[in-house]
Protein backbone atom coordinates (compact mmCIF):
# COMPACT_ATOMS: atom_id res chain seq x y z
CA UNK A 1 81.50 -14.57 145.86
CA UNK A 2 82.45 -13.77 149.64
CA UNK A 3 85.49 -11.89 148.58
CA UNK A 4 83.65 -9.59 145.86
CA UNK A 5 80.79 -8.84 148.63
CA UNK A 6 83.38 -7.94 151.27
CA UNK A 7 85.25 -5.98 148.40
CA UNK A 8 82.17 -3.63 148.09
CA UNK A 9 81.59 -3.46 151.91
CA UNK A 10 85.01 -2.77 152.86
CA UNK A 11 86.13 0.29 150.97
CA UNK A 12 89.27 1.69 151.72
CA UNK A 13 89.27 5.19 152.70
CA UNK A 14 92.26 7.24 152.72
CA UNK A 15 92.68 11.21 152.65
CA UNK A 16 92.84 10.77 148.63
CA UNK A 17 92.17 7.17 147.64
CA UNK A 18 89.24 5.05 147.66
CA UNK A 19 89.37 1.88 146.01
CA UNK A 20 86.86 -0.71 145.31
CA UNK A 21 89.46 -3.32 144.28
CA UNK A 22 92.87 -2.89 143.94
CA UNK A 23 92.71 -4.02 140.56
CA UNK A 24 91.66 -2.64 137.29
CA UNK A 25 90.99 0.97 135.72
CA UNK A 26 91.76 3.87 138.00
CA UNK A 27 89.70 7.01 137.68
CA UNK A 28 91.49 10.24 138.50
CA UNK A 29 88.40 12.75 140.04
CA UNK A 30 88.43 16.55 139.63
CA UNK A 31 88.18 18.53 142.54
CA UNK A 32 85.21 20.74 141.20
CA UNK A 33 82.84 19.56 138.78
CA UNK A 34 80.39 21.62 136.43
CA UNK A 35 77.21 19.49 135.55
CA UNK A 36 75.81 20.46 132.22
CA UNK A 37 72.15 18.59 132.51
CA UNK A 38 70.24 16.63 135.25
CA UNK A 39 72.79 14.04 136.11
CA UNK A 40 76.17 13.86 136.64
CA UNK A 41 77.85 11.67 134.75
CA UNK A 42 81.26 9.99 134.42
CA UNK A 43 82.64 12.27 132.04
CA UNK A 44 82.04 15.19 134.28
CA UNK A 45 83.78 13.65 137.28
CA UNK A 46 87.04 12.46 135.59
CA UNK A 47 90.09 14.36 134.58
CA UNK A 48 90.73 12.32 131.22
CA UNK A 49 87.48 11.75 129.55
CA UNK A 50 89.44 10.19 126.27
CA UNK A 51 91.18 7.51 128.69
CA UNK A 52 87.84 6.10 129.98
CA UNK A 53 86.93 2.67 128.02
CA UNK A 54 84.66 2.52 125.68
CA UNK A 55 80.65 3.12 126.57
CA UNK A 56 81.54 4.42 130.17
CA UNK A 57 81.91 8.54 129.82
CA UNK A 58 78.09 8.80 129.57
CA UNK A 59 77.08 6.60 132.03
CA UNK A 60 74.63 8.28 135.13
CA UNK A 61 76.55 8.44 138.62
CA UNK A 62 74.08 10.37 140.50
CA UNK A 63 71.39 13.23 140.11
CA UNK A 64 72.63 16.81 139.41
CA UNK A 65 72.63 19.38 142.78
CA UNK A 66 69.66 22.02 142.48
CA UNK A 67 70.27 25.02 140.17
CA UNK A 68 72.46 27.41 142.44
CA UNK A 69 73.55 24.81 144.64
CA UNK A 70 76.96 22.92 145.35
CA UNK A 71 77.24 19.56 146.54
CA UNK A 72 79.71 17.82 148.24
CA UNK A 73 79.99 13.99 147.23
CA UNK A 74 82.64 12.08 148.81
CA UNK A 75 84.63 9.08 147.17
CA UNK A 76 82.82 6.48 149.55
CA UNK A 77 79.56 7.66 148.18
CA UNK A 78 80.61 7.73 144.67
CA UNK A 79 82.31 4.47 144.79
CA UNK A 80 78.78 2.96 145.87
CA UNK A 81 77.24 4.84 143.13
CA UNK A 82 79.27 2.73 140.71
CA UNK A 83 78.07 -0.48 142.06
CA UNK A 84 74.96 -0.45 139.76
CA UNK A 85 77.48 -1.00 136.96
CA UNK A 86 78.84 -4.72 137.60
CA UNK A 87 81.58 -4.14 134.89
CA UNK A 88 82.98 -1.21 137.57
CA UNK A 89 83.74 -3.62 140.32
CA UNK A 90 87.58 -3.06 139.99
CA UNK A 91 87.62 0.69 139.45
CA UNK A 92 89.99 2.57 141.63
CA UNK A 93 88.60 6.41 142.53
CA UNK A 94 91.72 8.63 143.24
CA UNK A 95 91.20 12.26 144.19
CA UNK A 96 90.09 14.91 146.84
CA UNK A 97 88.07 12.87 149.39
CA UNK A 98 85.18 15.49 148.69
CA UNK A 99 84.10 16.58 144.99
CA UNK A 100 82.52 19.85 144.82
CA UNK A 101 79.54 19.33 142.15
CA UNK A 102 77.43 22.30 141.12
CA UNK A 103 75.06 22.60 138.11
CA UNK A 104 76.35 24.51 135.09
CA UNK A 105 74.19 28.00 134.38
CA UNK A 106 73.47 29.60 131.04
CA UNK A 107 72.01 33.15 129.91
CA UNK A 108 68.14 33.11 128.85
CA UNK A 109 68.38 33.17 125.41
CA UNK A 110 66.35 36.52 124.34
CA UNK A 111 66.06 35.15 121.20
CA UNK A 112 64.17 32.08 122.09
CA UNK A 113 61.86 34.36 124.13
CA UNK A 114 60.87 36.15 121.37
CA UNK A 115 60.00 33.05 119.63
CA UNK A 116 57.69 32.20 121.84
CA UNK A 117 56.34 35.30 122.18
CA UNK A 118 55.56 35.10 118.29
CA UNK A 119 54.31 31.98 118.69
CA UNK A 120 51.69 33.02 121.65
CA UNK A 121 50.73 36.30 119.68
CA UNK A 122 49.81 33.90 116.72
CA UNK A 123 47.83 31.89 118.56
CA UNK A 124 45.74 34.64 120.77
CA UNK A 125 43.29 37.49 120.09
CA UNK A 126 43.56 39.90 119.33
CA UNK A 127 46.57 39.29 117.14
CA UNK A 128 46.22 36.20 115.85
CA UNK A 129 49.63 36.20 114.26
CA UNK A 130 49.07 39.34 112.40
CA UNK A 131 51.63 41.45 114.50
CA UNK A 132 55.13 42.15 115.08
CA UNK A 133 56.52 41.99 118.62
CA UNK A 134 59.43 44.39 120.10
CA UNK A 135 60.60 42.82 123.32
CA UNK A 136 61.58 45.46 125.98
CA UNK A 137 64.71 45.30 127.75
CA UNK A 138 64.86 42.48 130.17
CA UNK A 139 67.34 41.85 133.56
CA UNK A 140 69.76 38.84 132.60
CA UNK A 141 68.15 35.33 133.75
CA UNK A 142 69.99 32.63 134.36
CA UNK A 143 68.76 29.06 133.89
CA UNK A 144 70.77 25.66 134.35
CA UNK A 145 72.16 24.09 131.71
CA UNK A 146 69.82 21.18 129.99
CA UNK A 147 66.75 20.68 127.51
CA UNK A 148 65.40 24.31 127.89
CA UNK A 149 61.34 24.70 126.97
CA UNK A 150 60.29 28.34 126.94
CA UNK A 151 56.36 29.02 126.69
CA UNK A 152 54.13 31.97 127.30
CA UNK A 153 51.30 31.39 129.67
CA UNK A 154 49.09 34.63 129.36
CA UNK A 155 49.08 38.36 129.25
CA UNK A 156 47.62 41.67 130.61
CA UNK A 157 46.53 44.30 128.26
CA UNK A 158 48.67 47.19 128.31
CA UNK A 159 48.59 50.63 126.95
CA UNK A 160 50.13 51.82 123.86
CA UNK A 161 50.47 48.68 122.37
CA UNK A 162 52.65 47.64 125.48
CA UNK A 163 51.17 44.09 127.31
CA UNK A 164 52.72 42.15 130.36
CA UNK A 165 53.36 38.64 129.40
CA UNK A 166 53.63 35.73 132.34
CA UNK A 167 56.90 33.16 130.40
CA UNK A 168 57.45 29.65 132.23
CA UNK A 169 60.50 27.88 132.09
CA UNK A 170 61.17 24.11 131.97
CA UNK A 171 64.53 22.64 132.21
CA UNK A 172 64.42 18.68 131.97
CA UNK A 173 60.98 18.78 131.77
CA UNK A 174 60.58 19.92 135.23
CA UNK A 175 59.80 23.63 135.72
CA UNK A 176 62.54 26.18 136.54
CA UNK A 177 60.66 29.52 137.41
CA UNK A 178 58.11 31.61 136.00
CA UNK A 179 58.64 35.30 135.50
CA UNK A 180 57.17 38.44 133.97
CA UNK A 181 58.07 40.06 130.79
CA UNK A 182 56.99 43.37 128.77
CA UNK A 183 56.78 43.87 125.22
CA UNK A 184 55.22 46.03 122.53
CA UNK A 185 53.02 44.10 120.11
CA UNK A 186 51.94 45.99 116.55
CA UNK A 187 49.47 44.70 114.74
CA UNK A 188 50.79 44.05 110.99
CA UNK A 189 48.18 45.64 108.07
CA UNK A 190 48.28 45.99 104.35
CA UNK A 191 48.57 49.86 103.80
CA UNK A 192 49.15 52.32 101.36
CA UNK A 193 52.69 53.59 100.20
CA UNK A 194 54.19 55.78 97.57
CA UNK A 195 55.06 53.50 94.71
CA UNK A 196 57.20 56.66 93.06
CA UNK A 197 57.68 60.28 94.63
CA UNK A 198 54.50 62.12 94.87
CA UNK A 199 54.34 66.07 94.50
CA UNK A 200 51.71 68.36 96.13
CA UNK A 201 49.00 68.99 94.64
CA UNK A 202 49.14 65.54 92.49
CA UNK A 203 45.76 63.62 92.20
CA UNK A 204 46.32 60.33 93.16
CA UNK A 205 46.31 57.39 90.08
CA UNK A 206 46.52 53.45 90.47
CA UNK A 207 50.09 53.57 89.30
CA UNK A 208 51.22 55.91 92.14
CA UNK A 209 50.39 53.32 94.84
CA UNK A 210 51.66 49.74 96.16
CA UNK A 211 50.39 47.87 98.81
CA UNK A 212 52.83 46.94 101.97
CA UNK A 213 52.55 44.93 105.14
CA UNK A 214 53.89 47.05 108.31
CA UNK A 215 53.41 46.76 111.38
CA UNK A 216 50.94 49.61 112.97
CA UNK A 217 52.01 51.38 115.95
CA UNK A 218 48.72 51.88 118.40
CA UNK A 219 49.28 56.13 118.67
CA UNK A 220 49.95 56.13 114.67
CA UNK A 221 47.38 53.40 113.49
CA UNK A 222 44.32 56.08 112.61
CA UNK A 223 46.95 57.68 110.30
CA UNK A 224 47.69 54.35 108.01
CA UNK A 225 45.28 54.19 105.14
CA UNK A 226 44.48 50.39 104.25
CA UNK A 227 44.30 48.95 100.97
CA UNK A 228 40.56 48.25 101.44
CA UNK A 229 39.87 52.12 101.21
CA UNK A 230 40.09 53.59 97.84
CA UNK A 231 42.05 56.87 97.54
CA UNK A 232 42.31 56.82 94.12
CA UNK A 233 41.50 60.74 92.74
CA UNK A 234 42.24 62.08 95.92
CA UNK A 235 44.87 64.96 96.27
CA UNK A 236 48.52 65.10 97.59
CA UNK A 237 48.71 68.19 99.79
CA UNK A 238 52.94 67.38 100.53
CA UNK A 239 56.12 65.36 99.43
CA UNK A 240 55.58 61.65 99.66
CA UNK A 241 59.04 59.67 99.23
CA UNK A 242 59.06 56.28 97.44
CA UNK A 243 58.10 53.39 99.86
CA UNK A 244 56.86 55.89 102.58
CA UNK A 245 53.19 54.99 104.08
CA UNK A 246 50.67 57.93 102.77
CA UNK A 247 48.98 59.08 105.68
CA UNK A 248 45.31 60.64 106.32
CA UNK A 249 47.51 64.16 106.78
CA UNK A 250 49.07 64.13 103.45
CA UNK A 251 46.14 63.89 101.47
CA UNK A 252 43.11 66.13 100.44
CA UNK A 253 39.92 65.73 98.86
CA UNK A 254 40.30 67.57 95.22
CA UNK A 255 38.93 70.48 94.30
CA UNK A 256 35.62 70.10 92.65
CA UNK A 257 34.47 73.44 91.55
CA UNK A 258 36.06 77.39 91.56
CA UNK A 259 34.46 79.98 91.38
CA UNK A 260 32.45 80.67 88.28
CA UNK A 261 32.43 77.33 86.83
CA UNK A 262 29.35 75.82 85.35
CA UNK A 263 28.28 72.65 87.14
CA UNK A 264 26.06 70.11 87.06
CA UNK A 265 23.70 69.55 90.16
CA UNK A 266 21.33 66.68 90.97
CA UNK A 267 18.31 68.51 92.79
CA UNK A 268 16.45 65.55 95.18
CA UNK A 269 13.35 66.23 96.72
CA UNK A 270 11.69 62.54 97.96
CA UNK A 271 11.52 60.39 95.35
CA UNK A 272 12.01 63.13 92.81
CA UNK A 273 15.07 64.09 91.36
CA UNK A 274 16.19 66.79 88.36
CA UNK A 275 19.33 67.80 87.19
CA UNK A 276 20.04 71.55 86.76
CA UNK A 277 22.95 73.39 85.33
CA UNK A 278 24.05 76.21 88.30
CA UNK A 279 27.04 78.66 88.69
CA UNK A 280 29.64 78.09 91.33
CA UNK A 281 29.90 81.24 93.68
CA UNK A 282 33.07 79.60 95.51
CA UNK A 283 35.61 77.19 95.36
CA UNK A 284 35.26 73.64 97.07
CA UNK A 285 36.69 70.44 97.53
CA UNK A 286 34.69 67.23 97.12
CA UNK A 287 32.39 67.12 100.12
CA UNK A 288 32.17 70.34 100.59
CA UNK A 289 29.25 72.91 100.77
CA UNK A 290 29.26 76.03 98.50
CA UNK A 291 26.88 78.56 97.37
CA UNK A 292 25.72 78.08 93.46
CA UNK A 293 22.99 80.25 91.21
CA UNK A 294 20.36 78.12 89.59
CA UNK A 295 21.35 79.49 86.10
CA UNK A 296 17.24 79.21 85.01
CA UNK A 297 15.81 80.61 87.95
CA UNK A 298 18.62 82.64 89.30
CA UNK A 299 18.30 81.53 92.36
CA UNK A 300 21.03 80.35 94.94
CA UNK A 301 20.98 77.61 96.59
CA UNK A 302 23.56 75.26 98.94
CA UNK A 303 25.11 72.41 97.30
CA UNK A 304 27.25 69.71 98.18
CA UNK A 305 30.06 68.55 96.13
CA UNK A 306 30.39 65.05 95.17
CA UNK A 307 32.75 64.97 91.93
CA UNK A 308 34.60 67.42 89.61
CA UNK A 309 32.14 70.27 88.68
CA UNK A 310 29.04 67.91 90.05
CA UNK A 311 26.94 68.41 93.15
CA UNK A 312 23.88 67.30 94.97
CA UNK A 313 21.17 69.20 96.74
CA UNK A 314 18.42 67.76 98.86
CA UNK A 315 15.48 69.94 99.20
CA UNK A 316 13.45 67.51 101.27
CA UNK A 317 16.38 67.95 103.70
CA UNK A 318 18.36 70.84 102.68
CA UNK A 319 16.62 74.65 102.84
CA UNK A 320 17.53 76.69 99.79
CA UNK A 321 19.01 80.10 100.44
CA UNK A 322 18.23 83.09 99.01
CA UNK A 323 19.11 86.64 98.70
């Protein structure tokens, strides 16, 4: 018993040799050690991991240095650290008197950052998961190797669909740093796209359109046509390719009457309404107002086209026009 106690307290230190006991296993230590975690393990220190006794490789020796810093561990300190393991009392340490230990670093995985952004978008207004995230170019960020957790902790509204997000990195359950990132977030919307090639002047029918979920950019949001909006019967004003979104500027209301056409007019005056025949005096599209001549009275009236060869006139709100 006395001999063992003296062996721990009277550790022999030479320029390249420290002995905890003169007999037993010898561990040859590397002069420079890179640690891949929050603790220095025996496997990190030795030059021959395969030669270690079973179960020794993953034993913790001391805590790892802080990220970005190198710590000099001398053989005496390491020998004392190994005293926590009773079966290592006969270990001999060989190598440079000081072992330089530093924490291994790695680049931030941008795919993990995008996943964190997508998770945040899924849980927060105004997106609630219905959005596409495009990360803006980001300067390289180095992290210590370990168990990394990325989370987005807040955002600030931006312009043009660009938002500033606050990100936090936790390594081995300890907060490492926070930083700002920018990303464009495009809401996803179900919109109409062309199911087949569309020609100019074509009137849209059900088989011409199909639904598709697309990211809607801020500056073009008003141009997309949501699927809840009925566009059947509307005229195509330009060529549209298969799969191309059908934008509002690609459509015009169909021509409902041409000059000389006989049209049916619903005349309304308060709670009273009557249908009459009239002749169109100009050409117009749905929603346009054109002059017509009442076939019976020969009076000219201003009507609003509602459907092909159909119009309405509200005498209680719109005065008639005569020549």
